[in-house]
Structure formats: C-alpha cells, structure tokens
C-alpha cells in the first residue's frame, strides 16, 4: 500500500504559488486600516454624538464597544 502512495506522490506536479494570497493579505490590511480610521473618528466625535443623539455615558460606551467586537 505504501508503494502505491509513493508512486502517486511522485506523479503529482507541484503547483506554482499564486498571487491570491497577497491580494487577500492586502484586502485584510485595508479593512483593518479603515476600521482603525473609523474608530479614531468616532472617538473624536463622541462628545458631539452624545449631545446630538441624547446618549448617556453608558450608552455611548456600548456604542464604542462595538469597535472592540469588530
């Protein structure tokens, strides 16, 4: 049985590496960057959001914790 596996492994050609993994890494990095920028913008706008939307400090804390979970 092991001789059949060895023969099978010898006949399968190796695939060249594709560039999909680099594109996936790039897209993930861009998503993380956008998330960071959004988090900073929300943190700067927190006092204004609290007054405009009429949120308490605890409600704003729940809203800000959404970025922790994302």
Protein backbone atom coordinates (compact mmCIF):
# COMPACT_ATOMS: atom_id res chain seq x y z
CA UNK A 1 0.00 0.00 0.00
CA UNK A 2 2.77 2.47 0.83
CA UNK A 3 4.42 1.82 -2.54
CA UNK A 4 1.20 2.96 -4.25
CA UNK A 5 1.21 6.19 -2.24
CA UNK A 6 4.84 6.84 -3.06
CA UNK A 7 4.14 6.36 -6.75
CA UNK A 8 1.13 8.65 -6.55
CA UNK A 9 3.12 11.40 -4.80
CA UNK A 10 5.82 11.22 -7.43
CA UNK A 11 3.36 11.78 -10.28
CA UNK A 12 1.57 14.86 -8.88
CA UNK A 13 3.26 18.01 -10.19
CA UNK A 14 3.73 20.91 -7.81
CA UNK A 15 1.53 23.93 -8.47
CA UNK A 16 3.21 27.30 -8.77
CA UNK A 17 2.35 29.72 -5.99
CA UNK A 18 -0.50 32.05 -6.89
CA UNK A 19 -0.83 35.73 -6.09
CA UNK A 20 -4.25 35.31 -4.45
CA UNK A 21 -2.70 35.14 -1.00
CA UNK A 22 -1.02 38.52 -1.47
CA UNK A 23 -4.30 40.05 -2.62
CA UNK A 24 -6.07 38.57 0.41
CA UNK A 25 -3.43 39.99 2.76
CA UNK A 26 -3.73 43.38 1.07
CA UNK A 27 -7.53 43.42 1.38
CA UNK A 28 -7.40 42.38 5.04
CA UNK A 29 -4.83 45.10 5.77
CA UNK A 30 -7.02 47.69 4.06
CA UNK A 31 -10.07 46.57 6.07
CA UNK A 32 -8.09 46.87 9.31
CA UNK A 33 -6.90 50.35 8.28
CA UNK A 34 -10.44 51.54 7.54
CA UNK A 35 -11.64 50.11 10.86
CA UNK A 36 -8.88 51.97 12.71
CA UNK A 37 -9.70 55.26 10.97
CA UNK A 38 -13.39 54.83 11.81
CA UNK A 39 -12.55 54.11 15.44
CA UNK A 40 -10.45 57.26 15.72
CA UNK A 41 -13.13 59.40 14.05
CA UNK A 42 -15.84 58.08 16.36
CA UNK A 43 -13.64 58.72 19.40
CA UNK A 44 -13.10 62.33 18.34
CA UNK A 45 -16.80 62.83 17.64
CA UNK A 46 -18.01 61.20 20.88
CA UNK A 47 -18.94 64.40 22.75
CA UNK A 48 -20.88 65.74 19.77
CA UNK A 49 -22.63 62.41 19.20
CA UNK A 50 -23.65 62.24 22.84
CA UNK A 51 -25.32 65.65 22.72
CA UNK A 52 -26.92 65.27 19.27
CA UNK A 53 -28.26 61.77 19.86
CA UNK A 54 -29.02 62.31 23.54
CA UNK A 55 -26.94 59.36 24.70
CA UNK A 56 -25.76 58.78 28.23
CA UNK A 57 -22.18 57.83 29.00
CA UNK A 58 -23.10 54.16 29.42
CA UNK A 59 -24.99 54.09 26.12
CA UNK A 60 -22.02 55.69 24.38
CA UNK A 61 -19.80 53.08 25.99
CA UNK A 62 -21.92 50.33 24.47
CA UNK A 63 -21.68 52.04 21.09
CA UNK A 64 -17.90 52.38 21.39
CA UNK A 65 -17.56 48.73 22.44
CA UNK A 66 -18.90 47.75 19.02
CA UNK A 67 -15.45 48.56 17.66
CA UNK A 68 -13.91 46.17 20.17
CA UNK A 69 -16.05 43.34 18.83
CA UNK A 70 -15.45 44.15 15.15
